[in-house]
Amino acid sequence: MTTHYIDITLLPDPEFSHAHLLGALVAKLHRALVALRAEDIGISFPQYSLGPRSLGSVLRLHGGETSLQRLMAHGWLQGMRDHVRLTGVMPVPSEATHRVVQRRQFKTNAERLRRRRMRRKGETLEEASAAIPDSVERQPDLPYVHVRSASTGQPFCLFIDQRGEAGERVMGAFNSYGLSRGATVPWF
């Protein structure tokens, strides 16, 4: 139940870029949510913007008071404390609306998709090219954070979509990045 929140604000740093710090923060949060097996903590980005495309400098954690206290007691911010400012666990304002914050994945490279299809289906380049035309490529227009997969070690862009407000609060589980396909978080 997302009745409380914590704001984590990235502080300017002369040695590390904003993108590097945000990626490190999201990666640490991901590892903590996996370790705690937490499906009741969601995230949002209050300074989210499509023009210019940015997640901003505030990562907001949403959850029940006990869940958020448990997360913060886990010590997951070790090494980041000098780079962030934290609020305490605060109750969500009563006038908050609700919004879904979800990951969006894009088919951004037809050549890569063809190689993958060739490996999976044993097709030739010609067969894969016929099945996957160049027109499948799409240029993402959403803000993102660079992270590295804990399972494969591969870097990837985690595109975040939090554009539409939901009419009402929708309960549900959040993934290990604090994102959900249908559950909402308070928006204020």
C-alpha atoms as a PDB file:
ATOM      1  CA  MET A   1       0.000   0.000   0.000  1.00  0.00           C
ATOM      2  CA  THR A   2       1.597   3.257  -1.124  1.00  0.00           C
ATOM      3  CA  THR A   3       0.630   5.560   1.726  1.00  0.00           C
ATOM      4  CA  HIS A   4       4.070   7.019   2.400  1.00  0.00           C
ATOM      5  CA  TYR A   5       7.052   8.241   0.428  1.00  0.00           C
ATOM      6  CA  ILE A   6      10.718   9.227   0.620  1.00  0.00           C
ATOM      7  CA  ASP A   7      12.362  11.719  -1.734  1.00  0.00           C
ATOM      8  CA  ILE A   8      15.973  11.089  -2.690  1.00  0.00           C
ATOM      9  CA  THR A   9      17.526  14.137  -4.348  1.00  0.00           C
ATOM     10  CA  LEU A  10      20.788  13.853  -6.269  1.00  0.00           C
ATOM     11  CA  LEU A  11      23.248  16.570  -5.311  1.00  0.00           C
ATOM     12  CA  PRO A  12      25.477  18.215  -7.944  1.00  0.00           C
ATOM     13  CA  ASP A  13      28.910  16.627  -8.035  1.00  0.00           C
ATOM     14  CA  PRO A  14      32.002  17.924  -9.852  1.00  0.00           C
ATOM     15  CA  GLU A  15      33.431  14.405 -10.304  1.00  0.00           C
ATOM     16  CA  PHE A  16      30.375  12.454 -11.467  1.00  0.00           C
ATOM     17  CA  SER A  17      27.736  13.308 -14.059  1.00  0.00           C
ATOM     18  CA  HIS A  18      24.075  13.417 -13.115  1.00  0.00           C
ATOM     19  CA  ALA A  19      23.420  10.449 -15.437  1.00  0.00           C
ATOM     20  CA  HIS A  20      26.152   8.382 -13.752  1.00  0.00           C
ATOM     21  CA  LEU A  21      24.800   9.107 -10.256  1.00  0.00           C
ATOM     22  CA  LEU A  22      21.196   8.373 -11.249  1.00  0.00           C
ATOM     23  CA  GLY A  23      22.256   5.080 -12.836  1.00  0.00           C
ATOM     24  CA  ALA A  24      24.163   4.111  -9.692  1.00  0.00           C
ATOM     25  CA  LEU A  25      21.203   5.056  -7.476  1.00  0.00           C
ATOM     26  CA  VAL A  26      18.715   3.023  -9.544  1.00  0.00           C
ATOM     27  CA  ALA A  27      21.120   0.055  -9.654  1.00  0.00           C
ATOM     28  CA  LYS A  28      21.538   0.096  -5.870  1.00  0.00           C
ATOM     29  CA  LEU A  29      17.780   0.354  -5.374  1.00  0.00           C
ATOM     30  CA  HIS A  30      17.263  -2.570  -7.766  1.00  0.00           C
ATOM     31  CA  ARG A  31      19.705  -4.775  -5.834  1.00  0.00           C
ATOM     32  CA  ALA A  32      18.030  -3.849  -2.529  1.00  0.00           C
ATOM     33  CA  LEU A  33      14.520  -4.579  -3.832  1.00  0.00           C
ATOM     34  CA  VAL A  34      15.744  -7.966  -5.128  1.00  0.00           C
ATOM     35  CA  ALA A  35      17.472  -8.798  -1.817  1.00  0.00           C
ATOM     36  CA  LEU A  36      14.375  -7.845   0.186  1.00  0.00           C
ATOM     37  CA  ARG A  37      12.014  -9.478  -2.320  1.00  0.00           C
ATOM     38  CA  ALA A  38      10.008  -6.253  -2.106  1.00  0.00           C
ATOM     39  CA  GLU A  39       7.041  -6.025  -4.471  1.00  0.00           C
ATOM     40  CA  ASP A  40       5.312  -3.273  -2.512  1.00  0.00           C
ATOM     41  CA  ILE A  41       7.691  -0.375  -3.230  1.00  0.00           C
ATOM     42  CA  GLY A  42       7.199   1.759  -6.307  1.00  0.00           C
ATOM     43  CA  ILE A  43       9.113   4.710  -7.699  1.00  0.00           C
ATOM     44  CA  SER A  44       8.398   7.926  -9.551  1.00  0.00           C
ATOM     45  CA  PHE A  45      10.337  10.921 -10.794  1.00  0.00           C
ATOM     46  CA  PRO A  46       8.612  14.187  -9.731  1.00  0.00           C
ATOM     47  CA  GLN A  47      10.764  16.289 -12.106  1.00  0.00           C
ATOM     48  CA  TYR A  48      10.059  14.009 -15.103  1.00  0.00           C
ATOM     49  CA  SER A  49      10.051  15.906 -18.387  1.00  0.00           C
ATOM     50  CA  LEU A  50       9.662  15.035 -22.061  1.00  0.00           C
ATOM     51  CA  GLY A  51      11.029  18.349 -23.267  1.00  0.00           C
ATOM     52  CA  PRO A  52      13.858  18.432 -22.536  1.00  0.00           C
ATOM     53  CA  ARG A  53      13.870  14.672 -21.966  1.00  0.00           C
ATOM     54  CA  SER A  54      14.861  14.140 -18.317  1.00  0.00           C
ATOM     55  CA  LEU A  55      14.040  12.117 -15.226  1.00  0.00           C
ATOM     56  CA  GLY A  56      15.173  15.044 -13.080  1.00  0.00           C
ATOM     57  CA  SER A  57      17.203  14.885  -9.897  1.00  0.00           C
ATOM     58  CA  VAL A  58      14.570  13.440  -7.520  1.00  0.00           C
ATOM     59  CA  LEU A  59      13.776   9.744  -7.160  1.00  0.00           C
ATOM     60  CA  ARG A  60      10.635   9.246  -5.065  1.00  0.00           C
ATOM     61  CA  LEU A  61      10.071   5.919  -3.303  1.00  0.00           C
ATOM     62  CA  HIS A  62       6.446   4.951  -2.589  1.00  0.00           C
ATOM     63  CA  GLY A  63       5.201   2.320  -0.170  1.00  0.00           C
ATOM     64  CA  GLY A  64       3.828   1.596   3.240  1.00  0.00           C
ATOM     65  CA  GLU A  65       5.629   3.164   6.180  1.00  0.00           C
ATOM     66  CA  THR A  66       6.971  -0.178   7.428  1.00  0.00           C
ATOM     67  CA  SER A  67       8.175  -1.245   3.962  1.00  0.00           C
ATOM     68  CA  LEU A  68      10.032   2.003   3.398  1.00  0.00           C
ATOM     69  CA  GLN A  69      11.631   1.859   6.855  1.00  0.00           C
ATOM     70  CA  ARG A  70      12.716  -1.731   6.172  1.00  0.00           C
ATOM     71  CA  LEU A  71      14.280  -0.678   2.854  1.00  0.00           C
ATOM     72  CA  MET A  72      16.154   2.226   4.405  1.00  0.00           C
ATOM     73  CA  ALA A  73      17.412   0.012   7.253  1.00  0.00           C
ATOM     74  CA  HIS A  74      18.890  -2.335   4.622  1.00  0.00           C
ATOM     75  CA  GLY A  75      21.840   0.036   4.085  1.00  0.00           C
ATOM     76  CA  TRP A  76      21.461   0.063   0.306  1.00  0.00           C
ATOM     77  CA  LEU A  77      22.610   3.701  -0.009  1.00  0.00           C
ATOM     78  CA  GLN A  78      26.130   2.879   1.181  1.00  0.00           C
ATOM     79  CA  GLY A  79      28.552   4.757  -1.043  1.00  0.00           C
ATOM     80  CA  MET A  80      25.837   7.181  -2.211  1.00  0.00           C
ATOM     81  CA  ARG A  81      25.192   9.113   1.014  1.00  0.00           C
ATOM     82  CA  ASP A  82      27.540  11.974  -0.007  1.00  0.00           C
ATOM     83  CA  HIS A  83      25.722  12.314  -3.343  1.00  0.00           C
ATOM     84  CA  VAL A  84      22.108  12.460  -2.146  1.00  0.00           C
ATOM     85  CA  ARG A  85      19.781  14.277   0.245  1.00  0.00           C
ATOM     86  CA  LEU A  86      16.972  12.262   1.829  1.00  0.00           C
ATOM     87  CA  THR A  87      13.675  13.166   3.372  1.00  0.00           C
ATOM     88  CA  GLY A  88      12.288  11.021   6.136  1.00  0.00           C
ATOM     89  CA  VAL A  89       9.351   8.688   5.593  1.00  0.00           C
ATOM     90  CA  MET A  90       6.475  11.086   4.959  1.00  0.00           C
ATOM     91  CA  PRO A  91       2.709  10.544   4.527  1.00  0.00           C
ATOM     92  CA  VAL A  92       1.364  11.114   1.015  1.00  0.00           C
ATOM     93  CA  PRO A  93      -0.615  14.362   0.713  1.00  0.00           C
ATOM     94  CA  SER A  94      -4.378  13.787   0.679  1.00  0.00           C
ATOM     95  CA  GLU A  95      -4.807  15.708  -2.607  1.00  0.00           C
ATOM     96  CA  ALA A  96      -2.435  13.392  -4.523  1.00  0.00           C
ATOM     97  CA  THR A  97      -3.632  11.899  -7.788  1.00  0.00           C
ATOM     98  CA  HIS A  98      -2.365   8.549  -9.101  1.00  0.00           C
ATOM     99  CA  ARG A  99      -0.196   7.502 -11.994  1.00  0.00           C
ATOM    100  CA  VAL A 100       1.351   4.347 -13.444  1.00  0.00           C
ATOM    101  CA  VAL A 101       5.145   4.443 -13.729  1.00  0.00           C
ATOM    102  CA  GLN A 102       6.304   1.705 -16.066  1.00  0.00           C
ATOM    103  CA  ARG A 103       9.226   0.477 -18.115  1.00  0.00           C
ATOM    104  CA  ARG A 104       8.910   0.780 -21.877  1.00  0.00           C
ATOM    105  CA  GLN A 105      11.006  -1.317 -24.225  1.00  0.00           C
ATOM    106  CA  PHE A 106      11.577  -0.373 -27.840  1.00  0.00           C
ATOM    107  CA  LYS A 107      12.632  -2.272 -30.928  1.00  0.00           C
ATOM    108  CA  THR A 108      15.438   0.114 -31.748  1.00  0.00           C
ATOM    109  CA  ASN A 109      17.742  -1.875 -34.016  1.00  0.00           C
ATOM    110  CA  ALA A 110      16.402  -4.041 -36.856  1.00  0.00           C
ATOM    111  CA  GLU A 111      19.829  -5.596 -37.483  1.00  0.00           C
ATOM    112  CA  ARG A 112      20.106  -6.782 -33.863  1.00  0.00           C
ATOM    113  CA  LEU A 113      16.555  -8.165 -33.989  1.00  0.00           C
ATOM    114  CA  ARG A 114      17.428 -10.067 -37.175  1.00  0.00           C
ATOM    115  CA  ARG A 115      20.566 -11.584 -35.618  1.00  0.00           C
ATOM    116  CA  ARG A 116      18.534 -12.655 -32.597  1.00  0.00           C
ATOM    117  CA  ARG A 117      15.871 -14.217 -34.819  1.00  0.00           C
ATOM    118  CA  MET A 118      18.557 -16.061 -36.813  1.00  0.00           C
ATOM    119  CA  ARG A 119      19.974 -17.551 -33.601  1.00  0.00           C
ATOM    120  CA  ARG A 120      16.582 -18.496 -32.169  1.00  0.00           C
ATOM    121  CA  LYS A 121      14.925 -19.859 -35.296  1.00  0.00           C
ATOM    122  CA  GLY A 122      17.943 -20.992 -37.303  1.00  0.00           C
ATOM    123  CA  GLU A 123      16.968 -18.716 -40.197  1.00  0.00           C
ATOM    124  CA  THR A 124      19.201 -17.236 -42.859  1.00  0.00           C
ATOM    125  CA  LEU A 125      19.816 -13.498 -43.054  1.00  0.00           C
ATOM    126  CA  GLU A 126      17.421 -13.280 -46.001  1.00  0.00           C
ATOM    127  CA  GLU A 127      14.623 -15.039 -44.078  1.00  0.00           C
ATOM    128  CA  ALA A 128      15.156 -12.895 -40.988  1.00  0.00           C
ATOM    129  CA  SER A 129      15.275  -9.720 -43.137  1.00  0.00           C
ATOM    130  CA  ALA A 130      11.982 -10.633 -44.772  1.00  0.00           C
ATOM    131  CA  ALA A 131      10.390 -11.191 -41.348  1.00  0.00           C
ATOM    132  CA  ILE A 132      11.854  -8.050 -39.739  1.00  0.00           C
ATOM    133  CA  PRO A 133      11.808  -5.005 -42.039  1.00  0.00           C
ATOM    134  CA  ASP A 134      13.736  -1.808 -41.281  1.00  0.00           C
ATOM    135  CA  SER A 135      10.410  -0.140 -40.478  1.00  0.00           C
ATOM    136  CA  VAL A 136      10.230  -1.904 -37.075  1.00  0.00           C
ATOM    137  CA  GLU A 137      12.858   0.477 -35.703  1.00  0.00           C
ATOM    138  CA  ARG A 138      11.566   3.186 -33.416  1.00  0.00           C
ATOM    139  CA  GLN A 139      13.411   6.118 -31.907  1.00  0.00           C
ATOM    140  CA  PRO A 140      12.524   6.238 -28.209  1.00  0.00           C
ATOM    141  CA  ASP A 141      11.271   9.605 -26.982  1.00  0.00           C
ATOM    142  CA  LEU A 142      11.149   8.845 -23.251  1.00  0.00           C
ATOM    143  CA  PRO A 143      13.608   9.718 -20.469  1.00  0.00           C
ATOM    144  CA  TYR A 144      15.836   6.847 -19.396  1.00  0.00           C
ATOM    145  CA  VAL A 145      18.555   5.781 -17.019  1.00  0.00           C
ATOM    146  CA  HIS A 146      21.603   3.684 -17.954  1.00  0.00           C
ATOM    147  CA  VAL A 147      21.849   0.508 -15.867  1.00  0.00           C
ATOM    148  CA  ARG A 148      23.674  -2.786 -16.111  1.00  0.00           C
ATOM    149  CA  SER A 149      21.837  -6.083 -15.927  1.00  0.00           C
ATOM    150  CA  ALA A 150      22.737  -7.956 -12.748  1.00  0.00           C
ATOM    151  CA  SER A 151      22.117 -11.297 -14.464  1.00  0.00           C
ATOM    152  CA  THR A 152      23.909 -10.765 -17.810  1.00  0.00           C
ATOM    153  CA  GLY A 153      26.200  -7.834 -17.042  1.00  0.00           C
ATOM    154  CA  GLN A 154      24.983  -6.103 -20.204  1.00  0.00           C
ATOM    155  CA  PRO A 155      24.309  -2.353 -20.085  1.00  0.00           C
ATOM    156  CA  PHE A 156      20.896  -1.156 -21.202  1.00  0.00           C
ATOM    157  CA  CYS A 157      18.661   1.893 -21.180  1.00  0.00           C
ATOM    158  CA  LEU A 158      15.736   1.652 -18.764  1.00  0.00           C
ATOM    159  CA  PHE A 159      13.105   3.856 -20.445  1.00  0.00           C
ATOM    160  CA  ILE A 160      10.532   5.273 -18.023  1.00  0.00           C
ATOM    161  CA  ASP A 161       6.968   6.176 -18.988  1.00  0.00           C
ATOM    162  CA  GLN A 162       4.920   8.050 -16.400  1.00  0.00           C
ATOM    163  CA  ARG A 163       2.924  10.316 -18.674  1.00  0.00           C
ATOM    164  CA  GLY A 164      -0.718   9.507 -17.983  1.00  0.00           C
ATOM    165  CA  GLU A 165      -2.631  10.050 -14.776  1.00  0.00           C
ATOM    166  CA  ALA A 166      -4.915   7.261 -13.628  1.00  0.00           C
ATOM    167  CA  GLY A 167      -8.398   8.091 -12.418  1.00  0.00           C
ATOM    168  CA  GLU A 168      -8.116   6.102  -9.213  1.00  0.00           C
ATOM    169  CA  ARG A 169      -5.574   4.241  -7.157  1.00  0.00           C
ATOM    170  CA  VAL A 170      -4.853   0.775  -8.533  1.00  0.00           C
ATOM    171  CA  MET A 171      -3.287  -1.811  -6.215  1.00  0.00           C
ATOM    172  CA  GLY A 172      -0.747  -4.296  -7.502  1.00  0.00           C
ATOM    173  CA  ALA A 173       2.854  -5.460  -7.389  1.00  0.00           C
ATOM    174  CA  PHE A 174       5.964  -3.575  -8.462  1.00  0.00           C
ATOM    175  CA  ASN A 175       8.956  -5.196 -10.123  1.00  0.00           C
ATOM    176  CA  SER A 176      12.531  -5.125  -8.850  1.00  0.00           C
ATOM    177  CA  TYR A 177      13.004  -1.645 -10.318  1.00  0.00           C
ATOM    178  CA  GLY A 178       9.917  -0.278  -8.521  1.00  0.00           C
ATOM    179  CA  LEU A 179       7.931  -0.140 -11.774  1.00  0.00           C
ATOM    180  CA  SER A 180       4.559  -1.677 -12.637  1.00  0.00           C
ATOM    181  CA  ARG A 181       2.400  -2.279 -15.667  1.00  0.00           C
ATOM    182  CA  GLY A 182      -0.802  -1.406 -13.846  1.00  0.00           C
ATOM    183  CA  ALA A 183      -0.303  -0.503 -10.178  1.00  0.00           C
ATOM    184  CA  THR A 184      -0.291   3.214  -9.471  1.00  0.00           C
ATOM    185  CA  VAL A 185       1.773   5.445  -7.220  1.00  0.00           C
ATOM    186  CA  PRO A 186       0.616   8.747  -5.754  1.00  0.00           C
ATOM    187  CA  TRP A 187       1.431  11.756  -7.913  1.00  0.00           C
ATOM    188  CA  PHE A 188       1.958  15.149  -6.310  1.00  0.00           C
END
